[in-house]
C-alpha cells in the first residue's frame, strides 16, 4: 500500500552482505511487484516521497499533474452530458481574484441560475488506518489544507458573485452558488462531522 520498504515493493530478500549469501524470491512475487510498481508509476498513483531520485520525483509529479487535469476535464464533460454548462480550469484571476487562490477545477452552471464550484481530486482508495488518517488530514477543512483552499475560493466567489457574469452571461445570486468535492473513489472524510461543507457534497460524481 505505497510503502517503500514492503516486501511487495522489494520482493528479493537478501540474508547477509556478501555476494555468496542467500537471496530468497518467488517468480510470482517478482511478477506482481514489477506490475504494481510500473503500473502505479504510469497511473501516477505513487507519491513523490516514494522515490529518491529527483528525476523520478519530477516525472511522477508531471504524471499526476496531467492526469489531474484530465480528470477535471472528464468531470466537465460528464456534467455537459447531464445538461449542465461546464468550463474546466477557471483561473480565479479571470474573475478578478488574487492569484494565490489558484483556480476552480470545474465551474458548472444552468440557465436556471444554479452554479457549482467543483474541486476534483484523483485519490487512491484508502486501504490502511494510516492512509485513512492522511486523507482526512488533507481534507479536514483546517487552515491551508486542500479543502480549505476550495472553501476560500467559494467564499470569494460568493462575495463577488457579479464577477461570474463574464463567463456565465448572467450574475447568479449568492445563495445559488454551491461547492462540490468530486473524487475518483469513495473517501473516508464523508464520515467526519466538522467539515466546512456538507458531506452530501463530497464523493464520486455518481454519489453527488
N, C-alpha and C. Protein backbone atom coordinates (compact mmCIF):
# COMPACT_ATOMS: atom_id res chain seq x y z
N UNK A 1 0.83 -1.21 0.00
CA UNK A 1 0.00 0.00 0.00
C UNK A 1 0.87 1.26 0.00
N UNK A 2 1.80 1.33 -0.93
CA UNK A 2 2.60 2.54 -1.06
C UNK A 2 3.81 2.62 -0.14
N UNK A 3 4.10 1.57 0.61
CA UNK A 3 5.26 1.59 1.50
C UNK A 3 6.52 1.21 0.72
N UNK A 4 7.54 2.05 0.81
CA UNK A 4 8.77 1.79 0.07
C UNK A 4 9.53 0.57 0.58
N UNK A 5 9.28 0.16 1.80
CA UNK A 5 10.04 -0.94 2.39
C UNK A 5 9.23 -2.23 2.49
N UNK A 6 8.08 -2.29 1.84
CA UNK A 6 7.26 -3.51 1.93
C UNK A 6 7.86 -4.61 1.05
N UNK A 7 7.55 -5.85 1.41
CA UNK A 7 8.02 -6.99 0.62
C UNK A 7 7.39 -6.98 -0.77
N UNK A 8 6.24 -6.33 -0.90
CA UNK A 8 5.59 -6.25 -2.20
C UNK A 8 6.38 -5.36 -3.15
N UNK A 9 7.01 -4.32 -2.60
CA UNK A 9 7.81 -3.40 -3.41
C UNK A 9 9.24 -3.91 -3.58
N UNK A 10 9.76 -4.62 -2.57
CA UNK A 10 11.12 -5.16 -2.61
C UNK A 10 11.03 -6.69 -2.47
N UNK A 11 10.74 -7.39 -3.56
CA UNK A 11 10.42 -8.81 -3.46
C UNK A 11 11.62 -9.75 -3.32
N UNK A 12 12.83 -9.22 -3.39
CA UNK A 12 14.02 -10.05 -3.19
C UNK A 12 14.54 -9.84 -1.77
N UNK A 13 14.70 -10.92 -1.02
CA UNK A 13 15.13 -10.84 0.38
C UNK A 13 16.54 -11.40 0.48
N UNK A 14 17.48 -10.54 0.85
CA UNK A 14 18.89 -10.91 0.90
C UNK A 14 19.30 -11.12 2.36
N UNK A 15 19.84 -12.28 2.64
CA UNK A 15 20.23 -12.64 4.01
C UNK A 15 21.75 -12.55 4.14
N UNK A 16 22.24 -11.36 4.41
CA UNK A 16 23.68 -11.15 4.54
C UNK A 16 24.14 -10.01 3.67
N UNK A 17 25.45 -9.81 3.62
CA UNK A 17 26.03 -8.68 2.90
C UNK A 17 26.99 -9.07 1.78
N UNK A 18 27.37 -10.33 1.69
CA UNK A 18 28.34 -10.74 0.67
C UNK A 18 27.63 -11.35 -0.53
N UNK A 19 28.38 -11.46 -1.62
CA UNK A 19 27.81 -11.99 -2.85
C UNK A 19 27.41 -13.45 -2.75
N UNK A 20 27.94 -14.18 -1.79
CA UNK A 20 27.62 -15.60 -1.66
C UNK A 20 26.44 -15.87 -0.74
N UNK A 21 25.86 -14.83 -0.15
CA UNK A 21 24.76 -15.03 0.80
C UNK A 21 23.46 -15.37 0.08
N UNK A 22 22.54 -15.89 0.83
CA UNK A 22 21.28 -16.38 0.27
C UNK A 22 20.36 -15.23 -0.14
N UNK A 23 19.73 -15.40 -1.30
CA UNK A 23 18.69 -14.49 -1.76
C UNK A 23 17.42 -15.31 -1.96
N UNK A 24 16.35 -14.86 -1.34
CA UNK A 24 15.08 -15.57 -1.43
C UNK A 24 14.08 -14.72 -2.23
N UNK A 25 13.47 -15.33 -3.22
CA UNK A 25 12.46 -14.62 -4.02
C UNK A 25 11.53 -15.64 -4.64
N UNK A 26 10.41 -15.16 -5.12
CA UNK A 26 9.46 -16.01 -5.83
C UNK A 26 9.13 -15.40 -7.18
N UNK A 27 8.98 -16.26 -8.19
CA UNK A 27 8.67 -15.76 -9.53
C UNK A 27 7.37 -14.96 -9.55
N UNK A 28 6.35 -15.47 -8.86
CA UNK A 28 5.07 -14.76 -8.81
C UNK A 28 5.19 -13.42 -8.11
N UNK A 29 6.01 -13.40 -7.04
CA UNK A 29 6.21 -12.15 -6.31
C UNK A 29 6.90 -11.10 -7.15
N UNK A 30 7.91 -11.54 -7.92
CA UNK A 30 8.61 -10.60 -8.81
C UNK A 30 7.65 -10.04 -9.86
N UNK A 31 6.83 -10.91 -10.43
CA UNK A 31 5.88 -10.50 -11.47
C UNK A 31 4.89 -9.50 -10.91
N UNK A 32 4.35 -9.78 -9.73
CA UNK A 32 3.39 -8.86 -9.11
C UNK A 32 4.04 -7.53 -8.74
N UNK A 33 5.25 -7.60 -8.22
CA UNK A 33 5.95 -6.39 -7.79
C UNK A 33 6.22 -5.46 -8.96
N UNK A 34 6.77 -6.01 -10.06
CA UNK A 34 7.06 -5.17 -11.23
C UNK A 34 5.77 -4.60 -11.81
N UNK A 35 4.71 -5.43 -11.86
CA UNK A 35 3.44 -4.94 -12.37
C UNK A 35 2.88 -3.82 -11.52
N UNK A 36 2.99 -3.97 -10.20
CA UNK A 36 2.49 -2.96 -9.27
C UNK A 36 3.26 -1.65 -9.44
N UNK A 37 4.60 -1.73 -9.41
CA UNK A 37 5.41 -0.51 -9.45
C UNK A 37 5.24 0.24 -10.76
N UNK A 38 5.39 -0.47 -11.88
CA UNK A 38 5.32 0.24 -13.17
C UNK A 38 3.89 0.66 -13.50
N UNK A 39 2.90 -0.14 -13.08
CA UNK A 39 1.52 0.26 -13.29
C UNK A 39 1.16 1.50 -12.50
N UNK A 40 1.60 1.55 -11.24
CA UNK A 40 1.31 2.73 -10.41
C UNK A 40 2.07 3.96 -10.89
N UNK A 41 3.27 3.77 -11.42
CA UNK A 41 4.01 4.90 -11.98
C UNK A 41 3.26 5.46 -13.18
N UNK A 42 2.81 4.57 -14.07
CA UNK A 42 2.11 5.01 -15.27
C UNK A 42 0.82 5.74 -14.91
N UNK A 43 0.10 5.26 -13.89
CA UNK A 43 -1.15 5.87 -13.50
C UNK A 43 -0.97 7.07 -12.57
N UNK A 44 0.27 7.33 -12.16
CA UNK A 44 0.50 8.45 -11.24
C UNK A 44 -0.08 8.20 -9.88
N UNK A 45 -0.03 6.96 -9.41
CA UNK A 45 -0.66 6.60 -8.14
C UNK A 45 0.35 6.35 -7.03
N UNK A 46 1.55 6.85 -7.19
CA UNK A 46 2.54 6.78 -6.13
C UNK A 46 2.96 8.20 -5.77
N UNK A 47 3.12 8.52 -4.49
CA UNK A 47 3.51 9.88 -4.11
C UNK A 47 4.97 10.15 -4.43
N UNK A 48 5.32 11.42 -4.53
CA UNK A 48 6.71 11.77 -4.81
C UNK A 48 7.66 11.28 -3.74
N UNK A 49 7.17 11.13 -2.51
CA UNK A 49 8.02 10.65 -1.42
C UNK A 49 8.39 9.18 -1.56
N UNK A 50 7.73 8.47 -2.47
CA UNK A 50 8.04 7.06 -2.72
C UNK A 50 9.42 6.92 -3.36
N UNK A 51 9.87 7.95 -4.08
CA UNK A 51 11.10 7.88 -4.87
C UNK A 51 12.21 8.69 -4.21
N UNK A 52 13.44 8.34 -4.57
CA UNK A 52 14.59 9.04 -4.01
C UNK A 52 15.28 9.96 -5.02
N UNK A 53 15.20 9.64 -6.32
CA UNK A 53 15.89 10.46 -7.31
C UNK A 53 15.04 11.66 -7.71
N UNK A 54 15.69 12.77 -8.01
CA UNK A 54 14.98 13.97 -8.42
C UNK A 54 14.26 13.76 -9.75
N UNK A 55 14.85 12.94 -10.64
CA UNK A 55 14.23 12.69 -11.93
C UNK A 55 12.89 11.98 -11.77
N UNK A 56 12.85 10.97 -10.89
CA UNK A 56 11.60 10.25 -10.69
C UNK A 56 10.57 11.11 -9.97
N UNK A 57 11.01 11.91 -9.01
CA UNK A 57 10.08 12.80 -8.33
C UNK A 57 9.47 13.79 -9.32
N UNK A 58 10.30 14.30 -10.23
CA UNK A 58 9.81 15.23 -11.23
C UNK A 58 8.86 14.53 -12.20
N UNK A 59 9.22 13.31 -12.58
CA UNK A 59 8.39 12.57 -13.53
C UNK A 59 7.02 12.24 -12.93
N UNK A 60 6.99 11.72 -11.71
CA UNK A 60 5.71 11.34 -11.11
C UNK A 60 4.86 12.58 -10.86
N UNK A 61 5.52 13.71 -10.58
CA UNK A 61 4.78 14.96 -10.41
C UNK A 61 4.09 15.38 -11.71
N UNK A 62 4.81 15.24 -12.83
CA UNK A 62 4.22 15.61 -14.12
C UNK A 62 3.09 14.67 -14.51
N UNK A 63 3.25 13.37 -14.20
CA UNK A 63 2.18 12.40 -14.49
C UNK A 63 0.94 12.72 -13.67
N UNK A 64 1.13 12.98 -12.37
CA UNK A 64 0.00 13.31 -11.50
C UNK A 64 -0.71 14.59 -11.96
N UNK A 65 0.09 15.57 -12.37
CA UNK A 65 -0.47 16.84 -12.81
C UNK A 65 -1.32 16.65 -14.07
N UNK A 66 -0.80 15.91 -15.05
CA UNK A 66 -1.53 15.70 -16.29
C UNK A 66 -2.80 14.89 -16.07
N UNK A 67 -2.71 13.85 -15.26
CA UNK A 67 -3.89 13.02 -15.00
C UNK A 67 -4.93 13.79 -14.18
N UNK A 68 -4.44 14.68 -13.32
CA UNK A 68 -5.38 15.52 -12.57
C UNK A 68 -6.16 16.44 -13.50
N UNK A 69 -5.47 17.05 -14.48
CA UNK A 69 -6.16 17.89 -15.46
C UNK A 69 -7.15 17.08 -16.28
N UNK A 70 -6.74 15.87 -16.69
CA UNK A 70 -7.63 15.02 -17.48
C UNK A 70 -8.87 14.63 -16.69
N UNK A 71 -8.70 14.40 -15.38
CA UNK A 71 -9.84 14.04 -14.54
C UNK A 71 -10.83 15.20 -14.46
N UNK A 72 -10.32 16.40 -14.29
CA UNK A 72 -11.19 17.58 -14.23
C UNK A 72 -11.94 17.76 -15.55
N UNK A 73 -11.24 17.56 -16.66
CA UNK A 73 -11.90 17.69 -17.97
C UNK A 73 -12.99 16.63 -18.15
N UNK A 74 -12.72 15.42 -17.64
CA UNK A 74 -13.71 14.36 -17.79
C UNK A 74 -14.96 14.66 -16.95
N UNK A 75 -14.77 15.28 -15.79
CA UNK A 75 -15.92 15.66 -14.96
C UNK A 75 -16.73 16.74 -15.67
N UNK A 76 -16.05 17.71 -16.27
CA UNK A 76 -16.75 18.76 -17.01
C UNK A 76 -17.55 18.16 -18.16
N UNK A 77 -16.97 17.22 -18.88
CA UNK A 77 -17.68 16.59 -19.99
C UNK A 77 -18.91 15.81 -19.49
N UNK A 78 -18.75 15.08 -18.39
CA UNK A 78 -19.86 14.32 -17.84
C UNK A 78 -21.02 15.23 -17.44
N UNK A 79 -20.69 16.39 -16.87
CA UNK A 79 -21.72 17.35 -16.48
C UNK A 79 -22.44 17.91 -17.71
N UNK A 80 -21.68 18.17 -18.77
CA UNK A 80 -22.30 18.64 -20.01
C UNK A 80 -23.26 17.59 -20.56
N UNK A 81 -22.87 16.32 -20.45
CA UNK A 81 -23.75 15.24 -20.90
C UNK A 81 -25.02 15.17 -20.06
N UNK A 82 -24.96 15.67 -18.82
CA UNK A 82 -26.11 15.66 -17.93
C UNK A 82 -26.95 16.94 -18.03
N UNK A 83 -26.58 17.81 -18.97
CA UNK A 83 -27.40 19.00 -19.20
C UNK A 83 -26.88 20.28 -18.60
N UNK A 84 -25.69 20.24 -17.98
CA UNK A 84 -25.09 21.44 -17.43
C UNK A 84 -24.20 22.11 -18.48
N UNK A 85 -23.90 23.36 -18.28
CA UNK A 85 -22.78 24.01 -18.96
C UNK A 85 -21.60 23.94 -18.01
N UNK A 86 -20.42 23.66 -18.53
CA UNK A 86 -19.27 23.48 -17.64
C UNK A 86 -18.00 23.95 -18.32
N UNK A 87 -17.14 24.55 -17.52
CA UNK A 87 -15.84 25.01 -18.01
C UNK A 87 -14.77 24.53 -17.04
N UNK A 88 -13.79 23.75 -17.51
CA UNK A 88 -12.74 23.28 -16.61
C UNK A 88 -11.63 24.33 -16.45
N UNK A 89 -10.96 24.25 -15.32
CA UNK A 89 -9.74 25.01 -15.07
C UNK A 89 -9.92 26.52 -15.26
N UNK A 90 -10.80 27.07 -14.46
CA UNK A 90 -11.06 28.51 -14.49
C UNK A 90 -10.14 29.19 -13.48
N UNK A 91 -9.23 30.00 -13.96
CA UNK A 91 -8.33 30.70 -13.06
C UNK A 91 -9.10 31.78 -12.29
N UNK A 92 -8.83 31.84 -11.00
CA UNK A 92 -9.51 32.84 -10.18
C UNK A 92 -9.16 34.25 -10.61
N UNK A 93 -7.98 34.42 -11.21
CA UNK A 93 -7.61 35.76 -11.69
C UNK A 93 -8.51 36.21 -12.84
N UNK A 94 -9.12 35.26 -13.57
CA UNK A 94 -10.08 35.63 -14.62
C UNK A 94 -11.29 36.36 -14.03
N UNK A 95 -11.57 36.06 -12.76
CA UNK A 95 -12.71 36.67 -12.09
C UNK A 95 -12.32 37.92 -11.30
N UNK A 96 -11.01 38.22 -11.31
CA UNK A 96 -10.53 39.37 -10.58
C UNK A 96 -10.02 39.06 -9.19
N UNK A 97 -9.87 37.77 -8.88
CA UNK A 97 -9.42 37.35 -7.54
C UNK A 97 -7.90 37.35 -7.47
N UNK A 98 -7.33 37.33 -6.27
CA UNK A 98 -5.88 37.25 -6.12
C UNK A 98 -5.34 35.92 -6.68
N UNK A 99 -4.13 35.96 -7.18
CA UNK A 99 -3.54 34.77 -7.82
C UNK A 99 -3.36 33.61 -6.84
N UNK A 100 -3.17 33.91 -5.55
CA UNK A 100 -2.90 32.83 -4.60
C UNK A 100 -4.11 31.92 -4.40
N UNK A 101 -5.29 32.32 -4.89
CA UNK A 101 -6.46 31.46 -4.76
C UNK A 101 -6.49 30.35 -5.82
N UNK A 102 -5.56 30.39 -6.76
CA UNK A 102 -5.43 29.29 -7.71
C UNK A 102 -6.54 29.28 -8.74
N UNK A 103 -7.12 28.09 -9.00
CA UNK A 103 -8.18 28.00 -10.00
C UNK A 103 -9.29 27.06 -9.55
N UNK A 104 -10.41 27.19 -10.20
CA UNK A 104 -11.56 26.31 -9.99
C UNK A 104 -11.42 25.16 -10.97
N UNK A 105 -11.37 23.93 -10.47
CA UNK A 105 -11.17 22.79 -11.37
C UNK A 105 -12.28 22.72 -12.41
N UNK A 106 -13.53 22.84 -11.98
CA UNK A 106 -14.66 22.87 -12.91
C UNK A 106 -15.70 23.88 -12.39
N UNK A 107 -16.09 24.78 -13.26
CA UNK A 107 -17.20 25.69 -12.98
C UNK A 107 -18.38 25.24 -13.81
N UNK A 108 -19.50 24.91 -13.16
CA UNK A 108 -20.67 24.41 -13.88
C UNK A 108 -21.90 25.23 -13.51
N UNK A 109 -22.81 25.36 -14.47
CA UNK A 109 -23.99 26.18 -14.22
C UNK A 109 -25.14 25.76 -15.13
N UNK A 110 -26.33 26.20 -14.74
CA UNK A 110 -27.52 26.04 -15.57
C UNK A 110 -28.15 27.42 -15.78
N UNK A 111 -28.89 27.55 -16.87
CA UNK A 111 -29.53 28.83 -17.16
C UNK A 111 -30.57 29.20 -16.12
N UNK A 112 -31.01 28.21 -15.35
CA UNK A 112 -31.98 28.47 -14.28
C UNK A 112 -31.35 29.12 -13.05
N UNK A 113 -30.01 29.27 -13.08
CA UNK A 113 -29.34 30.02 -12.02
C UNK A 113 -28.46 29.22 -11.09
N UNK A 114 -28.52 27.87 -11.14
CA UNK A 114 -27.65 27.08 -10.27
C UNK A 114 -26.20 27.16 -10.73
N UNK A 115 -25.29 27.32 -9.78
CA UNK A 115 -23.85 27.37 -10.07
C UNK A 115 -23.13 26.49 -9.06
N UNK A 116 -22.22 25.66 -9.55
CA UNK A 116 -21.42 24.86 -8.63
C UNK A 116 -19.94 25.03 -8.95
N UNK A 117 -19.16 25.17 -7.88
CA UNK A 117 -17.71 25.23 -7.97
C UNK A 117 -17.18 23.86 -7.54
N UNK A 118 -16.48 23.19 -8.44
CA UNK A 118 -16.08 21.81 -8.19
C UNK A 118 -14.57 21.70 -8.05
N UNK A 119 -14.15 21.08 -6.97
CA UNK A 119 -12.76 20.69 -6.77
C UNK A 119 -12.67 19.20 -7.12
N UNK A 120 -11.80 18.85 -8.04
CA UNK A 120 -11.66 17.46 -8.49
C UNK A 120 -10.38 16.87 -7.92
N UNK A 121 -10.49 15.69 -7.33
CA UNK A 121 -9.33 15.04 -6.73
C UNK A 121 -9.26 13.57 -7.13
N UNK A 122 -8.16 13.21 -7.77
CA UNK A 122 -7.86 11.80 -8.03
C UNK A 122 -7.19 11.23 -6.78
N UNK A 123 -7.86 10.33 -6.11
CA UNK A 123 -7.34 9.77 -4.87
C UNK A 123 -7.36 8.25 -4.95
N UNK A 124 -6.37 7.63 -4.32
CA UNK A 124 -6.41 6.18 -4.18
C UNK A 124 -7.36 5.81 -3.05
N UNK A 125 -7.98 4.67 -3.18
CA UNK A 125 -8.83 4.20 -2.10
C UNK A 125 -7.96 3.91 -0.88
N UNK A 126 -8.36 4.44 0.26
CA UNK A 126 -7.59 4.25 1.50
C UNK A 126 -7.70 2.79 1.93
N UNK A 127 -6.54 2.14 2.13
CA UNK A 127 -6.51 0.71 2.44
C UNK A 127 -6.06 0.42 3.87
N UNK A 128 -5.45 1.40 4.52
CA UNK A 128 -4.96 1.19 5.88
C UNK A 128 -5.42 2.33 6.77
N UNK A 129 -5.31 2.14 8.07
CA UNK A 129 -5.68 3.19 9.02
C UNK A 129 -4.85 4.45 8.77
N UNK A 130 -3.56 4.26 8.48
CA UNK A 130 -2.70 5.42 8.24
C UNK A 130 -3.15 6.19 7.01
N UNK A 131 -3.55 5.48 5.95
CA UNK A 131 -4.00 6.16 4.74
C UNK A 131 -5.32 6.89 4.96
N UNK A 132 -6.22 6.29 5.73
CA UNK A 132 -7.48 6.96 6.08
C UNK A 132 -7.19 8.25 6.84
N UNK A 133 -6.29 8.16 7.81
CA UNK A 133 -5.95 9.34 8.62
C UNK A 133 -5.32 10.43 7.77
N UNK A 134 -4.47 10.03 6.80
CA UNK A 134 -3.79 11.01 5.96
C UNK A 134 -4.78 11.74 5.06
N UNK A 135 -5.72 11.02 4.46
CA UNK A 135 -6.71 11.66 3.61
C UNK A 135 -7.59 12.60 4.43
N UNK A 136 -8.01 12.15 5.61
CA UNK A 136 -8.82 13.02 6.48
C UNK A 136 -8.05 14.26 6.89
N UNK A 137 -6.75 14.13 7.11
CA UNK A 137 -5.93 15.28 7.47
C UNK A 137 -5.88 16.28 6.32
N UNK A 138 -5.74 15.78 5.10
CA UNK A 138 -5.61 16.65 3.94
C UNK A 138 -6.91 17.39 3.62
N UNK A 139 -8.05 16.80 4.01
CA UNK A 139 -9.34 17.37 3.63
C UNK A 139 -10.25 17.60 4.83
N UNK A 140 -9.69 18.08 5.92
CA UNK A 140 -10.49 18.32 7.12
C UNK A 140 -11.06 19.73 7.16
N UNK A 141 -10.58 20.61 6.26
CA UNK A 141 -11.05 21.99 6.27
C UNK A 141 -10.26 22.89 7.19
N UNK A 142 -9.16 22.37 7.75
CA UNK A 142 -8.30 23.20 8.59
C UNK A 142 -7.53 24.20 7.73
N UNK A 143 -6.96 25.21 8.38
CA UNK A 143 -6.28 26.29 7.66
C UNK A 143 -5.22 25.74 6.71
N UNK A 144 -5.33 26.13 5.44
CA UNK A 144 -4.36 25.86 4.39
C UNK A 144 -4.33 24.41 3.91
N UNK A 145 -5.28 23.57 4.36
CA UNK A 145 -5.30 22.23 3.78
C UNK A 145 -6.06 22.28 2.45
N UNK A 146 -6.23 21.12 1.78
CA UNK A 146 -6.75 21.13 0.42
C UNK A 146 -8.23 21.47 0.34
N UNK A 147 -8.99 21.16 1.37
CA UNK A 147 -10.40 21.55 1.38
C UNK A 147 -10.55 23.03 1.72
N UNK A 148 -9.71 23.53 2.60
CA UNK A 148 -9.77 24.95 2.98
C UNK A 148 -9.53 25.85 1.77
N UNK A 149 -8.64 25.44 0.89
CA UNK A 149 -8.36 26.24 -0.31
C UNK A 149 -9.61 26.35 -1.18
N UNK A 150 -10.34 25.23 -1.28
CA UNK A 150 -11.58 25.25 -2.06
C UNK A 150 -12.62 26.16 -1.41
N UNK A 151 -12.71 26.10 -0.09
CA UNK A 151 -13.67 26.93 0.63
C UNK A 151 -13.31 28.41 0.48
N UNK A 152 -12.03 28.73 0.49
CA UNK A 152 -11.61 30.12 0.27
C UNK A 152 -12.07 30.63 -1.09
N UNK A 153 -11.92 29.78 -2.11
CA UNK A 153 -12.39 30.18 -3.45
C UNK A 153 -13.91 30.37 -3.46
N UNK A 154 -14.62 29.45 -2.82
CA UNK A 154 -16.07 29.56 -2.75
C UNK A 154 -16.49 30.86 -2.07
N UNK A 155 -15.88 31.18 -0.95
CA UNK A 155 -16.24 32.39 -0.21
C UNK A 155 -15.97 33.64 -1.03
N UNK A 156 -14.84 33.65 -1.75
CA UNK A 156 -14.53 34.82 -2.57
C UNK A 156 -15.57 34.98 -3.68
N UNK A 157 -15.91 33.88 -4.34
CA UNK A 157 -16.88 33.95 -5.44
C UNK A 157 -18.25 34.39 -4.92
N UNK A 158 -18.65 33.89 -3.75
CA UNK A 158 -19.94 34.32 -3.20
C UNK A 158 -19.95 35.81 -2.88
N UNK A 159 -18.84 36.29 -2.36
CA UNK A 159 -18.76 37.71 -2.02
C UNK A 159 -18.64 38.59 -3.26
N UNK A 160 -18.21 37.99 -4.37
CA UNK A 160 -18.02 38.74 -5.62
C UNK A 160 -18.76 38.03 -6.75
N UNK A 161 -19.99 37.63 -6.51
CA UNK A 161 -20.72 36.79 -7.46
C UNK A 161 -20.97 37.49 -8.79
N UNK A 162 -20.94 38.82 -8.80
CA UNK A 162 -21.12 39.54 -10.06
C UNK A 162 -19.98 39.23 -11.04
N UNK A 163 -18.83 38.81 -10.51
CA UNK A 163 -17.67 38.54 -11.37
C UNK A 163 -17.91 37.35 -12.30
N UNK A 164 -18.87 36.48 -11.95
CA UNK A 164 -19.15 35.31 -12.78
C UNK A 164 -19.86 35.66 -14.08
N UNK A 165 -20.37 36.88 -14.18
CA UNK A 165 -21.15 37.27 -15.35
C UNK A 165 -20.33 37.19 -16.64
N UNK A 166 -19.02 37.42 -16.55
CA UNK A 166 -18.19 37.40 -17.75
C UNK A 166 -18.14 36.00 -18.37
N UNK A 167 -18.32 34.96 -17.56
CA UNK A 167 -18.29 33.59 -18.06
C UNK A 167 -19.69 33.04 -18.27
N UNK A 168 -20.59 33.26 -17.31
CA UNK A 168 -21.93 32.67 -17.35
C UNK A 168 -22.90 33.45 -18.22
N UNK A 169 -22.60 34.71 -18.47
CA UNK A 169 -23.52 35.63 -19.16
C UNK A 169 -24.73 35.99 -18.32
N UNK A 170 -24.65 35.69 -17.03
CA UNK A 170 -25.64 36.19 -16.07
C UNK A 170 -24.98 36.24 -14.71
N UNK A 171 -25.55 37.03 -13.82
CA UNK A 171 -24.99 37.17 -12.47
C UNK A 171 -25.85 36.34 -11.51
N UNK A 172 -25.35 35.22 -11.02
CA UNK A 172 -26.15 34.38 -10.13
C UNK A 172 -26.28 35.02 -8.75
N UNK A 173 -27.30 34.62 -8.03
CA UNK A 173 -27.42 35.08 -6.66
C UNK A 173 -26.47 34.28 -5.77
N UNK A 174 -26.02 34.89 -4.72
CA UNK A 174 -25.07 34.25 -3.82
C UNK A 174 -25.60 32.94 -3.27
N UNK A 175 -26.88 32.88 -2.98
CA UNK A 175 -27.47 31.70 -2.35
C UNK A 175 -27.51 30.49 -3.26
N UNK A 176 -27.30 30.68 -4.56
CA UNK A 176 -27.39 29.57 -5.51
C UNK A 176 -26.03 29.08 -5.97
N UNK A 177 -24.99 29.56 -5.31
CA UNK A 177 -23.63 29.11 -5.61
C UNK A 177 -23.22 28.08 -4.55
N UNK A 178 -22.89 26.88 -5.00
CA UNK A 178 -22.60 25.80 -4.06
C UNK A 178 -21.27 25.12 -4.40
N UNK A 179 -20.64 24.51 -3.40
CA UNK A 179 -19.39 23.79 -3.64
C UNK A 179 -19.63 22.30 -3.88
N UNK A 180 -18.67 21.65 -4.50
CA UNK A 180 -18.62 20.21 -4.61
C UNK A 180 -17.15 19.77 -4.55
N UNK A 181 -16.92 18.62 -3.94
CA UNK A 181 -15.60 17.98 -3.97
C UNK A 181 -15.81 16.62 -4.62
N UNK A 182 -15.45 16.51 -5.89
CA UNK A 182 -15.65 15.28 -6.65
C UNK A 182 -14.36 14.47 -6.64
N UNK A 183 -14.45 13.24 -6.18
CA UNK A 183 -13.28 12.38 -6.07
C UNK A 183 -13.40 11.19 -7.02
N UNK A 184 -12.28 10.54 -7.25
CA UNK A 184 -12.25 9.40 -8.17
C UNK A 184 -12.65 8.10 -7.49
N UNK A 185 -12.78 8.10 -6.18
CA UNK A 185 -13.14 6.89 -5.45
C UNK A 185 -13.85 7.28 -4.16
N UNK A 186 -14.40 6.32 -3.46
CA UNK A 186 -15.02 6.59 -2.17
C UNK A 186 -13.95 7.10 -1.19
N UNK A 187 -14.33 8.06 -0.37
CA UNK A 187 -13.35 8.70 0.51
C UNK A 187 -13.84 8.71 1.96
N UNK A 188 -12.91 8.61 2.92
CA UNK A 188 -13.32 8.50 4.33
C UNK A 188 -13.78 9.80 4.97
N UNK A 189 -13.46 10.96 4.37
CA UNK A 189 -13.83 12.20 5.08
C UNK A 189 -15.34 12.44 5.09
N UNK A 190 -16.11 11.66 4.32
CA UNK A 190 -17.55 11.81 4.39
C UNK A 190 -18.11 11.37 5.74
N UNK A 191 -17.27 10.71 6.55
CA UNK A 191 -17.71 10.29 7.88
C UNK A 191 -17.32 11.30 8.96
N UNK A 192 -16.61 12.36 8.58
CA UNK A 192 -16.25 13.39 9.55
C UNK A 192 -17.45 14.30 9.82
N UNK A 193 -17.50 14.86 11.02
CA UNK A 193 -18.67 15.65 11.43
C UNK A 193 -18.44 17.16 11.38
N UNK A 194 -17.21 17.60 11.23
CA UNK A 194 -16.94 19.04 11.37
C UNK A 194 -16.38 19.66 10.09
N UNK A 195 -16.83 19.16 8.93
CA UNK A 195 -16.33 19.71 7.67
C UNK A 195 -17.01 21.05 7.36
N UNK A 196 -16.31 21.94 6.65
CA UNK A 196 -16.89 23.25 6.35
C UNK A 196 -17.93 23.21 5.23
N UNK A 197 -18.06 22.08 4.52
CA UNK A 197 -19.12 21.94 3.52
C UNK A 197 -19.89 20.66 3.83
N UNK A 198 -21.09 20.57 3.33
CA UNK A 198 -21.95 19.43 3.61
C UNK A 198 -21.34 18.14 3.09
N UNK A 199 -21.46 17.06 3.86
CA UNK A 199 -20.93 15.76 3.44
C UNK A 199 -21.60 15.26 2.17
N UNK A 200 -22.83 15.70 1.92
CA UNK A 200 -23.53 15.30 0.70
C UNK A 200 -22.89 15.88 -0.55
N UNK A 201 -22.02 16.86 -0.37
CA UNK A 201 -21.35 17.49 -1.49
C UNK A 201 -19.97 16.88 -1.79
N UNK A 202 -19.64 15.77 -1.11
CA UNK A 202 -18.33 15.16 -1.27
C UNK A 202 -18.49 13.71 -1.72
N UNK A 203 -17.75 13.33 -2.75
CA UNK A 203 -17.79 11.94 -3.21
C UNK A 203 -17.60 11.85 -4.71
N UNK A 204 -17.83 10.67 -5.25
CA UNK A 204 -17.73 10.48 -6.69
C UNK A 204 -18.89 11.21 -7.38
N UNK A 205 -18.76 11.40 -8.68
CA UNK A 205 -19.79 12.14 -9.41
C UNK A 205 -21.15 11.45 -9.31
N UNK A 206 -21.17 10.13 -9.35
CA UNK A 206 -22.45 9.42 -9.24
C UNK A 206 -23.06 9.55 -7.84
N UNK A 207 -22.20 9.71 -6.83
CA UNK A 207 -22.72 9.85 -5.47
C UNK A 207 -23.40 11.19 -5.24
N UNK A 208 -22.87 12.24 -5.83
CA UNK A 208 -23.37 13.59 -5.52
C UNK A 208 -24.16 14.21 -6.66
